[in-house]
Every structure is written in C-alpha cells, then in structure tokens.
Protein backbone atom coordinates (compact mmCIF):
# COMPACT_ATOMS: atom_id res chain seq x y z
CA MET A 1 11.01 -7.13 -25.28
CA ASN A 2 13.63 -6.55 -22.63
CA VAL A 3 16.60 -4.20 -22.87
CA ARG A 4 19.39 -4.27 -20.27
CA VAL A 5 20.22 -0.61 -19.68
CA GLY A 6 22.34 -0.71 -16.55
CA ALA A 7 25.40 -2.50 -15.32
CA LEU A 8 25.32 -5.29 -12.81
CA ILE A 9 26.66 -4.16 -9.48
CA LEU A 10 28.05 -6.78 -7.12
CA VAL A 11 28.98 -5.83 -3.60
CA ALA A 12 30.54 -8.64 -1.57
CA ALA A 13 30.15 -8.19 2.16
CA ALA A 14 32.83 -9.16 4.62
CA ALA A 15 30.21 -10.94 6.67
CA ALA A 16 26.66 -12.03 5.95
CA THR A 17 25.31 -9.71 8.60
CA ALA A 18 26.96 -6.63 7.15
CA LEU A 19 24.05 -5.98 4.82
CA THR A 20 20.75 -4.85 6.28
CA GLY A 21 18.14 -7.54 5.87
CA CYS A 22 20.62 -10.19 4.69
CA GLY A 23 20.58 -13.14 6.97
CA ASN A 24 20.72 -16.90 6.53
CA GLY A 25 23.97 -16.71 4.58
CA MET A 26 23.00 -13.86 2.26
CA GLY A 27 26.11 -11.71 1.87
CA ALA A 28 25.92 -10.10 -1.58
CA LYS A 29 23.87 -7.32 -3.13
CA LEU A 30 23.29 -7.25 -6.86
CA THR A 31 21.49 -4.45 -8.70
CA TYR A 32 19.98 -4.84 -12.17
CA ASN A 33 18.41 -2.09 -14.31
CA ASP A 34 16.08 -3.28 -17.05
CA THR A 35 13.67 -1.64 -19.50
CA GLU A 36 10.58 -3.35 -20.85
CA LYS A 37 9.36 -1.90 -24.14
CA THR A 38 6.01 -3.70 -23.98
CA LYS A 39 3.37 -1.39 -22.49
CA ILE A 40 2.52 -2.70 -19.02
CA THR A 41 -1.10 -2.31 -17.90
CA ASP A 42 -1.07 -4.62 -14.86
CA ILE A 43 1.51 -5.49 -12.21
CA VAL A 44 1.11 -8.60 -10.03
CA LEU A 45 3.10 -8.99 -6.81
CA SER A 46 4.09 -12.23 -5.08
CA GLY A 47 6.88 -13.63 -2.94
CA GLY A 48 8.27 -14.07 0.52
CA SER A 49 10.63 -11.26 1.52
CA GLY A 50 11.33 -8.00 -0.31
CA ASP A 51 10.03 -4.48 -0.85
CA VAL A 52 8.19 -3.19 -3.90
CA THR A 53 7.85 0.45 -4.99
CA VAL A 54 5.81 1.35 -8.06
CA THR A 55 5.64 4.87 -9.50
CA THR A 56 4.35 6.03 -12.87
CA GLY A 57 5.63 8.23 -15.67
CA SER A 58 4.59 9.58 -19.06
CA ALA A 59 6.55 7.06 -21.15
CA SER A 60 5.00 3.84 -22.47
CA GLU A 61 7.99 1.72 -21.44
CA THR A 62 8.63 0.37 -17.95
CA HIS A 63 11.89 0.76 -16.01
CA ILE A 64 12.66 -1.96 -13.49
CA THR A 65 15.38 -1.82 -10.86
CA ARG A 66 15.93 -5.13 -9.07
CA ILE A 67 17.94 -5.22 -5.86
CA VAL A 68 18.88 -8.85 -5.24
CA ARG A 69 20.29 -10.05 -1.95
CA SER A 70 21.76 -13.53 -2.13
CA ASP A 71 24.65 -15.75 -1.16
CA GLY A 72 26.64 -14.46 -4.12
CA ARG A 73 25.18 -16.57 -6.92
CA ASP A 74 23.69 -14.73 -9.90
CA PRO A 75 19.96 -15.56 -9.73
CA ALA A 76 17.68 -16.08 -12.68
CA LYS A 77 15.38 -13.28 -13.74
CA SER A 78 12.74 -12.93 -11.00
CA TYR A 79 10.09 -11.15 -13.04
CA GLN A 80 8.05 -12.10 -16.09
CA VAL A 81 6.10 -10.24 -18.76
CA SER A 82 3.09 -11.84 -20.40
CA GLY A 83 1.07 -9.60 -22.68
CA GLY A 84 0.59 -6.39 -20.73
CA THR A 85 1.10 -8.01 -17.32
CA LEU A 86 4.34 -7.68 -15.34
CA SER A 87 4.68 -10.30 -12.59
CA LEU A 88 7.14 -9.43 -9.81
CA ASP A 89 8.33 -12.21 -7.48
CA THR A 90 10.38 -11.17 -4.45
CA THR A 91 11.61 -14.75 -3.99
CA CYS A 92 14.53 -15.92 -6.15
CA GLY A 93 15.58 -19.17 -4.49
CA ARG A 94 17.32 -20.33 -1.34
CA ASN A 95 19.05 -17.50 0.55
CA CYS A 96 17.81 -15.04 -2.03
CA SER A 97 15.31 -12.16 -2.01
CA VAL A 98 14.49 -9.34 -4.43
CA SER A 99 13.24 -5.80 -3.94
CA TYR A 100 11.89 -3.77 -6.85
CA GLU A 101 11.71 -0.13 -7.85
CA VAL A 102 9.46 0.16 -10.90
CA GLU A 103 8.46 3.14 -13.03
CA ALA A 104 5.48 2.07 -15.14
CA PRO A 105 3.13 3.83 -17.59
CA ALA A 106 0.35 5.99 -16.17
CA GLY A 107 -2.84 4.11 -15.33
CA VAL A 108 -1.16 0.81 -14.45
CA LYS A 109 -3.07 -1.38 -11.99
CA VAL A 110 -1.27 -3.18 -9.17
CA GLY A 111 -2.44 -6.31 -7.34
CA GLY A 112 -1.11 -9.27 -5.42
CA GLU A 113 0.35 -10.23 -2.06
CA LEU A 114 3.69 -10.21 -0.27
CA HIS A 115 4.51 -12.27 2.80
CA SER A 116 7.12 -9.91 4.27
CA GLY A 117 8.06 -6.51 2.92
CA ALA A 118 6.84 -2.98 2.31
CA ILE A 119 4.64 -1.89 -0.59
CA ALA A 120 4.67 1.71 -1.90
CA LEU A 121 2.39 2.72 -4.78
CA VAL A 122 2.47 6.26 -6.16
CA GLY A 123 0.32 7.53 -9.03
CA VAL A 124 -0.97 4.13 -10.16
CA GLY A 125 -4.43 3.66 -11.65
CA ALA A 126 -5.87 1.25 -9.06
CA ALA A 127 -4.62 -1.17 -6.40
CA ASP A 128 -5.61 -4.40 -4.64
CA VAL A 129 -2.69 -5.47 -2.45
CA LYS A 130 -1.98 -7.39 0.73
CA VAL A 131 1.07 -7.84 2.94
CA SER A 132 1.36 -10.18 5.92
CA SER A 133 4.24 -8.36 7.62
CA GLY A 134 5.08 -4.86 6.44
CA ASP A 135 3.69 -1.40 5.76
CA ILE A 136 1.70 -0.14 2.77
CA ARG A 137 2.00 3.39 1.38
CA LEU A 138 -0.58 4.63 -1.14
CA GLU A 139 -0.33 8.03 -2.82
CA ARG A 140 -2.21 9.81 -5.61
CA ILE A 141 -4.20 6.80 -6.81
CA ALA A 142 -7.07 7.68 -9.14
CA GLY A 143 -9.07 4.44 -9.07
CA ASP A 144 -10.38 2.09 -6.41
CA VAL A 145 -8.05 0.80 -3.69
CA THR A 146 -8.15 -2.28 -1.48
CA ALA A 147 -5.22 -2.68 0.92
CA ARG A 148 -4.74 -5.18 3.75
CA ALA A 149 -1.86 -5.46 6.21
CA THR A 150 -1.79 -8.19 8.85
CA SER A 151 1.12 -6.77 10.83
CA GLY A 152 1.88 -3.27 9.64
CA SER A 153 0.37 0.14 9.01
CA ILE A 154 -1.33 1.73 6.00
CA ASP A 155 -0.51 5.30 5.01
CA ALA A 156 -2.79 6.74 2.31
CA HIS A 157 -2.53 10.19 0.74
CA ALA A 158 -4.60 11.91 -1.97
CA LEU A 159 -6.70 8.91 -2.99
CA SER A 160 -9.46 9.77 -5.48
CA GLY A 161 -11.45 6.53 -5.69
CA ALA A 162 -13.31 4.29 -3.29
CA ALA A 163 -11.00 2.74 -0.70
CA THR A 164 -11.08 -0.22 1.68
CA LEU A 165 -8.17 -0.20 4.14
CA THR A 166 -7.76 -3.00 6.70
CA VAL A 167 -5.06 -3.74 9.28
CA THR A 168 -4.92 -6.38 11.99
CA SER A 169 -2.09 -4.88 14.03
CA GLY A 170 -1.13 -1.35 13.02
CA ASN A 171 -2.52 2.09 12.28
CA ILE A 172 -4.41 3.55 9.34
CA GLU A 173 -3.77 7.15 8.32
CA GLY A 174 -5.54 8.67 5.34
CA LEU A 175 -4.86 12.32 4.47
CA GLU A 176 -6.33 14.57 1.75
CA LEU A 177 -8.72 11.90 0.49
CA THR A 178 -10.26 13.77 -2.40
CA GLY A 179 -12.68 11.72 -4.46
CA GLY A 180 -15.92 11.80 -2.50
CA LYS A 181 -16.20 8.00 -2.94
CA PRO A 182 -17.07 5.50 -0.14
CA LEU A 183 -14.28 4.86 2.36
CA THR A 184 -13.90 1.91 4.72
CA ALA A 185 -11.10 1.70 7.31
CA GLU A 186 -10.80 -1.01 9.95
CA ALA A 187 -8.05 -1.66 12.50
CA SER A 188 -8.26 -4.58 14.93
CA SER A 189 -5.43 -3.23 17.08
CA GLY A 190 -4.49 0.33 16.20
CA ASP A 191 -5.83 3.79 15.43
CA VAL A 192 -7.77 5.07 12.42
CA GLU A 193 -7.33 8.68 11.26
CA LEU A 194 -8.96 9.98 8.07
CA HIS A 195 -8.98 13.50 6.64
CA VAL A 196 -11.56 13.74 3.84
CA LEU A 197 -11.68 16.74 1.48
CA GLN A 198 -15.05 15.99 -0.16
CA PRO A 199 -18.24 14.71 1.51
CA ALA A 200 -18.40 10.92 1.36
CA SER A 201 -19.83 7.89 3.10
CA ILE A 202 -17.32 6.57 5.65
CA SER A 203 -17.19 3.42 7.74
CA ALA A 204 -14.44 3.44 10.39
CA ARG A 205 -13.77 0.69 12.95
CA ALA A 206 -11.17 0.22 15.68
CA SER A 207 -11.50 -2.75 18.01
CA SER A 208 -8.66 -1.56 20.25
CA GLY A 209 -7.74 2.01 19.38
CA ASN A 210 -9.12 5.43 18.53
CA VAL A 211 -10.98 6.74 15.49
CA GLU A 212 -10.63 10.34 14.31
CA LEU A 213 -12.40 11.65 11.21
CA ILE A 214 -12.14 15.15 9.76
CA VAL A 215 -14.76 15.82 7.09
CA PRO A 216 -16.12 18.84 5.18
CA LYS A 217 -19.20 20.56 6.53
CA GLY A 218 -22.38 19.06 5.12
CA ASP A 219 -25.30 16.76 5.76
CA TYR A 220 -24.52 13.28 7.08
CA GLN A 221 -26.28 10.40 8.71
CA LEU A 222 -24.32 9.64 11.87
CA LYS A 223 -24.08 6.17 13.36
CA ASN A 224 -21.81 5.44 16.29
CA ASP A 225 -21.16 2.52 18.58
CA THR A 226 -18.58 3.15 21.30
CA GLY A 227 -17.80 0.47 23.85
CA SER A 228 -15.84 1.93 26.75
CA GLY A 229 -14.90 5.23 25.13
CA ASP A 230 -16.40 8.60 24.23
CA PHE A 231 -17.93 9.88 20.99
CA THR A 232 -17.43 13.54 20.06
CA THR A 233 -18.77 15.40 17.03
CA ASP A 234 -19.77 18.88 15.90
CA LEU A 235 -22.06 17.54 13.16
CA ARG A 236 -25.83 17.17 13.25
CA ASN A 237 -27.38 13.80 12.47
CA ILE A 238 -29.49 14.23 9.32
CA ALA A 239 -31.55 11.05 8.91
CA THR A 240 -32.27 11.73 5.22
CA ALA A 241 -28.69 12.56 4.22
CA THR A 242 -27.12 10.59 1.38
CA ASN A 243 -23.69 10.28 2.97
CA VAL A 244 -23.46 8.01 6.02
CA ILE A 245 -20.69 8.17 8.61
CA SER A 246 -20.55 5.00 10.69
CA VAL A 247 -18.04 4.76 13.55
CA ARG A 248 -17.46 1.82 15.86
CA VAL A 249 -14.82 1.49 18.59
CA GLY A 250 -14.42 -1.28 21.13
CA SER A 251 -11.85 0.16 23.50
CA GLY A 252 -11.03 3.75 22.62
CA ASP A 253 -12.53 7.10 21.68
CA ALA A 254 -14.18 8.28 18.49
CA LYS A 255 -14.20 11.81 17.13
CA VAL A 256 -15.88 13.19 13.99
CA MET A 257 -15.19 16.88 13.34
CA SER A 258 -15.90 19.19 10.43
CA PHE A 259 -13.87 21.96 8.78
C-alpha cells in the first residue's frame, strides 16, 4: 500500500545545464515523497545514473523520497514493492534519472548494482552492493557486507559483521570495525586503511598503493608479501594463533601496528 505524503515539486531550469548532473536535455527537478505501509525487509538497487541513500528507523513503514531529473515530463513510478521487497531503479526513461533517500525499518537488507552513482547505507541489517562509477559509504551495519566499486572509493565505519570490500580504482578506508569477524579489503589502484577494534582475521591487498592496518594487541599469524615496498609491524608472528593477518602489496608499503 502506497500513501502520497508530500507535494510534487517542479523546478524548471532556465537552461539544461543549470542543474547539477542534468545533461542531455534534462532541465527539470521533481521531488516526490511517498510512504509504503508494507514492511520492507529487502531493498534491491538497479539502474544507470542516480544516487541511493538508505537509513533505518524504528517504524515499520518505509519513507521514500525520489528526486527525479528529467526533461520536464512527469515520469512513471520508478520503484516497485513486491511482498517485502522494495526495488529501486535509478533509470526512468530517456533523459531521466532518479536518486533516492529511503528510511526503512531496522534490519532491512540491501543488494544490487548501480552503473553510475553513489551508494550510502546507514544502519541496515546487511549489504551486497556494487557500483561501476561512484563511491560507497557503509556505516553501522550489523550483518555481513560485500561492496565493490570499479571506479570509486569505499568508506566503511562501525561495521559489526564480516566484510569484503573491493575497489579497482580508488581507496578503501575502514574505521572502528567492531565485530571481530573476518575482513577482506583489496584495491587494485589505491590505498587500504583499516582500523579494527576487536581481534580478527584480515586479508588486505593493494596492487598499486599502501596498506595500513591498526589492530588490538593480541596473538596473530602474520603473512606478508611486499613487492618493491617495506613491511613494518610491532606484532610478533604467532604460528598457532587463530587470527591471521595477511598483507600483500605490489608497489607500495605495508604497515601493521597495534594499540
């Protein structure tokens, strides 16, 4: 069930280039505010060009703000609800793109892929997302996370579950990673920086860039493979330790330090 709770806002630009991100004849910005009463448990992303932000709240309903940029025509609804799944499409036709700001129930899972745009997920239950061109921000996610960016960076904060973070061209920064679950971070061209608050197994790779890990004091197996760079650590290699820290850099330095 859908309830329209906001007014449609239409802003006509004097020229198509007057709006940020509106090219190819797109000269209008339309904002819709909708509420879905059906409890959403999963969100699926798809589309060509547009940003998606998902946060969570205590209510069982889902609030959806759609920011549509088009050539002035009123597009059809660009999202669908089937059962407990909300599908968000950032493509709405020729000369038309949609960005979303969604507040969903706690525990919602987010998956899918965008071609061009930024993804920001805050407080969701779990995530498996990919973007070809754009950045990914992940914050306070309780469950497992898989995030891939072809051209863009990944910024992760306060993740509690296992995480696999991969970028082709960009940096990976993970701060206050709290769960003690396995972490994998790989950058083909860029730096990897992880700050882990509980002992965990970590695999960090940078083909062209630096790796810096900050971990709690404890027992770790240490494995490192540095090509033309240096490896620095203040930890002892404990061959029988449960947690394994594996670091590999092709062209760059690697540092593993404790606190």
